[in-house]
Amino acid sequence: MATYQDVRRQVETLTPDEQLRLLEALAVMVRCRVLVKPKRSIMELEGLGKETWQGLDAQEYVNQERL
């Protein structure tokens, strides 16, 4: 198996046009291998930490925060 240094030395022997073609091909290959993360929804946080607020009166809490 070729090492990074071996491949780099080989790439240096290519013409600039060939290097650009290789670079473009590598970019396509890497983009295909990288997993695209799905977009997240703020709604996934619904109910998170609700146990923290159980038994608390919302208006009383707000009044305390305003002091």
N, C-alpha and C. Protein backbone atom coordinates (compact mmCIF):
# COMPACT_ATOMS: atom_id res chain seq x y z
N MET A 1 0.84 -1.18 0.00
CA MET A 1 0.00 0.00 0.00
C MET A 1 0.89 1.24 0.00
N ALA A 2 0.52 2.22 -0.80
CA ALA A 2 1.29 3.45 -0.91
C ALA A 2 1.04 4.33 0.32
N THR A 3 2.09 4.99 0.77
CA THR A 3 1.95 5.92 1.88
C THR A 3 1.60 7.31 1.35
N TYR A 4 1.21 8.17 2.26
CA TYR A 4 0.90 9.54 1.90
C TYR A 4 2.07 10.19 1.18
N GLN A 5 3.27 10.00 1.70
CA GLN A 5 4.47 10.60 1.09
C GLN A 5 4.71 10.06 -0.32
N ASP A 6 4.48 8.75 -0.52
CA ASP A 6 4.62 8.16 -1.86
C ASP A 6 3.66 8.82 -2.84
N VAL A 7 2.44 8.93 -2.43
CA VAL A 7 1.42 9.51 -3.30
C VAL A 7 1.75 10.97 -3.58
N ARG A 8 2.16 11.69 -2.56
CA ARG A 8 2.50 13.11 -2.76
C ARG A 8 3.64 13.27 -3.75
N ARG A 9 4.65 12.43 -3.65
CA ARG A 9 5.77 12.51 -4.60
C ARG A 9 5.28 12.25 -6.02
N GLN A 10 4.37 11.29 -6.17
CA GLN A 10 3.83 10.99 -7.49
C GLN A 10 3.01 12.17 -8.03
N VAL A 11 2.24 12.79 -7.15
CA VAL A 11 1.42 13.94 -7.56
C VAL A 11 2.31 15.09 -8.01
N GLU A 12 3.44 15.27 -7.37
CA GLU A 12 4.35 16.35 -7.73
C GLU A 12 4.92 16.18 -9.14
N THR A 13 4.90 14.96 -9.65
CA THR A 13 5.41 14.73 -11.00
C THR A 13 4.36 15.02 -12.07
N LEU A 14 3.11 15.20 -11.67
CA LEU A 14 2.05 15.50 -12.62
C LEU A 14 2.12 16.95 -13.08
N THR A 15 1.54 17.22 -14.23
CA THR A 15 1.45 18.60 -14.70
C THR A 15 0.43 19.34 -13.85
N PRO A 16 0.47 20.66 -13.84
CA PRO A 16 -0.53 21.41 -13.08
C PRO A 16 -1.96 21.07 -13.49
N ASP A 17 -2.21 20.86 -14.77
CA ASP A 17 -3.55 20.47 -15.22
C ASP A 17 -3.96 19.12 -14.64
N GLU A 18 -3.03 18.18 -14.64
CA GLU A 18 -3.32 16.85 -14.08
C GLU A 18 -3.56 16.94 -12.58
N GLN A 19 -2.79 17.79 -11.90
CA GLN A 19 -2.97 17.97 -10.47
C GLN A 19 -4.36 18.55 -10.17
N LEU A 20 -4.80 19.51 -10.97
CA LEU A 20 -6.13 20.08 -10.79
C LEU A 20 -7.22 19.04 -11.02
N ARG A 21 -7.05 18.22 -12.06
CA ARG A 21 -8.03 17.16 -12.32
C ARG A 21 -8.09 16.19 -11.15
N LEU A 22 -6.91 15.84 -10.63
CA LEU A 22 -6.86 14.93 -9.49
C LEU A 22 -7.52 15.56 -8.26
N LEU A 23 -7.25 16.83 -8.04
CA LEU A 23 -7.83 17.54 -6.91
C LEU A 23 -9.36 17.55 -7.00
N GLU A 24 -9.88 17.82 -8.18
CA GLU A 24 -11.33 17.82 -8.38
C GLU A 24 -11.92 16.43 -8.13
N ALA A 25 -11.24 15.40 -8.63
CA ALA A 25 -11.72 14.03 -8.44
C ALA A 25 -11.69 13.65 -6.96
N LEU A 26 -10.65 14.06 -6.26
CA LEU A 26 -10.56 13.78 -4.82
C LEU A 26 -11.66 14.50 -4.05
N ALA A 27 -11.95 15.74 -4.44
CA ALA A 27 -13.01 16.49 -3.76
C ALA A 27 -14.35 15.79 -3.92
N VAL A 28 -14.64 15.31 -5.11
CA VAL A 28 -15.89 14.59 -5.35
C VAL A 28 -15.93 13.31 -4.51
N MET A 29 -14.83 12.59 -4.49
CA MET A 29 -14.76 11.33 -3.75
C MET A 29 -14.99 11.57 -2.25
N VAL A 30 -14.35 12.60 -1.71
CA VAL A 30 -14.48 12.87 -0.27
C VAL A 30 -15.89 13.34 0.05
N ARG A 31 -16.48 14.20 -0.79
CA ARG A 31 -17.84 14.66 -0.55
C ARG A 31 -18.82 13.49 -0.50
N CYS A 32 -18.61 12.51 -1.34
CA CYS A 32 -19.50 11.34 -1.36
C CYS A 32 -19.34 10.49 -0.10
N ARG A 33 -18.17 10.50 0.49
CA ARG A 33 -17.92 9.67 1.67
C ARG A 33 -18.34 10.33 2.97
N VAL A 34 -18.42 11.66 2.96
CA VAL A 34 -18.80 12.39 4.17
C VAL A 34 -20.31 12.31 4.32
N LEU A 35 -20.73 11.90 5.48
CA LEU A 35 -22.16 11.79 5.74
C LEU A 35 -22.73 13.18 5.97
N VAL A 36 -23.80 13.48 5.29
CA VAL A 36 -24.48 14.75 5.48
C VAL A 36 -25.39 14.60 6.69
N LYS A 37 -25.20 15.47 7.66
CA LYS A 37 -26.02 15.40 8.86
C LYS A 37 -27.40 15.97 8.56
N PRO A 38 -28.42 15.27 8.98
CA PRO A 38 -29.77 15.80 8.74
C PRO A 38 -29.99 17.08 9.53
N LYS A 39 -30.81 17.96 8.98
CA LYS A 39 -31.13 19.20 9.70
C LYS A 39 -31.92 18.84 10.94
N ARG A 40 -31.66 19.59 12.00
CA ARG A 40 -32.33 19.34 13.27
C ARG A 40 -33.50 20.30 13.42
N SER A 41 -34.46 19.91 14.21
CA SER A 41 -35.63 20.74 14.48
C SER A 41 -35.60 21.18 15.93
N ILE A 42 -35.96 22.42 16.15
CA ILE A 42 -36.05 22.92 17.52
C ILE A 42 -37.08 22.13 18.32
N MET A 43 -38.02 21.53 17.63
CA MET A 43 -39.07 20.76 18.29
C MET A 43 -38.52 19.51 18.97
N GLU A 44 -37.31 19.09 18.62
CA GLU A 44 -36.70 17.94 19.28
C GLU A 44 -36.42 18.23 20.75
N LEU A 45 -36.38 19.50 21.12
CA LEU A 45 -36.11 19.88 22.50
C LEU A 45 -37.37 19.98 23.34
N GLU A 46 -38.53 19.80 22.71
CA GLU A 46 -39.80 19.92 23.42
C GLU A 46 -39.83 18.97 24.62
N GLY A 47 -40.15 19.52 25.77
CA GLY A 47 -40.28 18.73 26.99
C GLY A 47 -38.97 18.46 27.71
N LEU A 48 -37.85 18.86 27.12
CA LEU A 48 -36.56 18.62 27.74
C LEU A 48 -36.44 19.42 29.05
N GLY A 49 -36.17 18.76 30.12
CA GLY A 49 -36.02 19.40 31.42
C GLY A 49 -37.32 19.75 32.10
N LYS A 50 -38.42 19.19 31.62
CA LYS A 50 -39.73 19.56 32.20
C LYS A 50 -39.83 19.21 33.68
N GLU A 51 -39.08 18.19 34.11
CA GLU A 51 -39.14 17.81 35.53
C GLU A 51 -38.60 18.93 36.43
N THR A 52 -37.75 19.78 35.89
CA THR A 52 -37.20 20.91 36.64
C THR A 52 -38.30 21.88 37.07
N TRP A 53 -39.32 22.01 36.23
CA TRP A 53 -40.36 23.00 36.46
C TRP A 53 -41.62 22.43 37.13
N GLN A 54 -41.65 21.14 37.38
CA GLN A 54 -42.84 20.54 37.99
C GLN A 54 -43.05 21.12 39.39
N GLY A 55 -44.30 21.47 39.67
CA GLY A 55 -44.65 22.00 41.00
C GLY A 55 -44.36 23.47 41.16
N LEU A 56 -43.83 24.13 40.17
CA LEU A 56 -43.55 25.56 40.25
C LEU A 56 -44.67 26.35 39.60
N ASP A 57 -45.05 27.43 40.22
CA ASP A 57 -46.04 28.33 39.63
C ASP A 57 -45.31 29.28 38.70
N ALA A 58 -45.72 29.30 37.45
CA ALA A 58 -45.01 30.09 36.44
C ALA A 58 -45.02 31.58 36.79
N GLN A 59 -46.15 32.11 37.19
CA GLN A 59 -46.23 33.54 37.50
C GLN A 59 -45.36 33.88 38.70
N GLU A 60 -45.37 33.01 39.70
CA GLU A 60 -44.53 33.23 40.88
C GLU A 60 -43.05 33.25 40.49
N TYR A 61 -42.68 32.35 39.64
CA TYR A 61 -41.28 32.28 39.17
C TYR A 61 -40.90 33.59 38.47
N VAL A 62 -41.76 34.05 37.56
CA VAL A 62 -41.49 35.29 36.82
C VAL A 62 -41.38 36.47 37.77
N ASN A 63 -42.29 36.52 38.74
CA ASN A 63 -42.26 37.62 39.72
C ASN A 63 -40.94 37.62 40.49
N GLN A 64 -40.46 36.46 40.88
CA GLN A 64 -39.18 36.35 41.61
C GLN A 64 -38.01 36.80 40.73
N GLU A 65 -38.06 36.45 39.45
CA GLU A 65 -36.98 36.83 38.53
C GLU A 65 -36.93 38.34 38.32
N ARG A 66 -38.05 39.00 38.42
CA ARG A 66 -38.12 40.46 38.19
C ARG A 66 -37.57 41.25 39.37
N LEU A 67 -37.39 40.63 40.52
CA LEU A 67 -36.88 41.35 41.71
C LEU A 67 -35.45 41.74 41.59
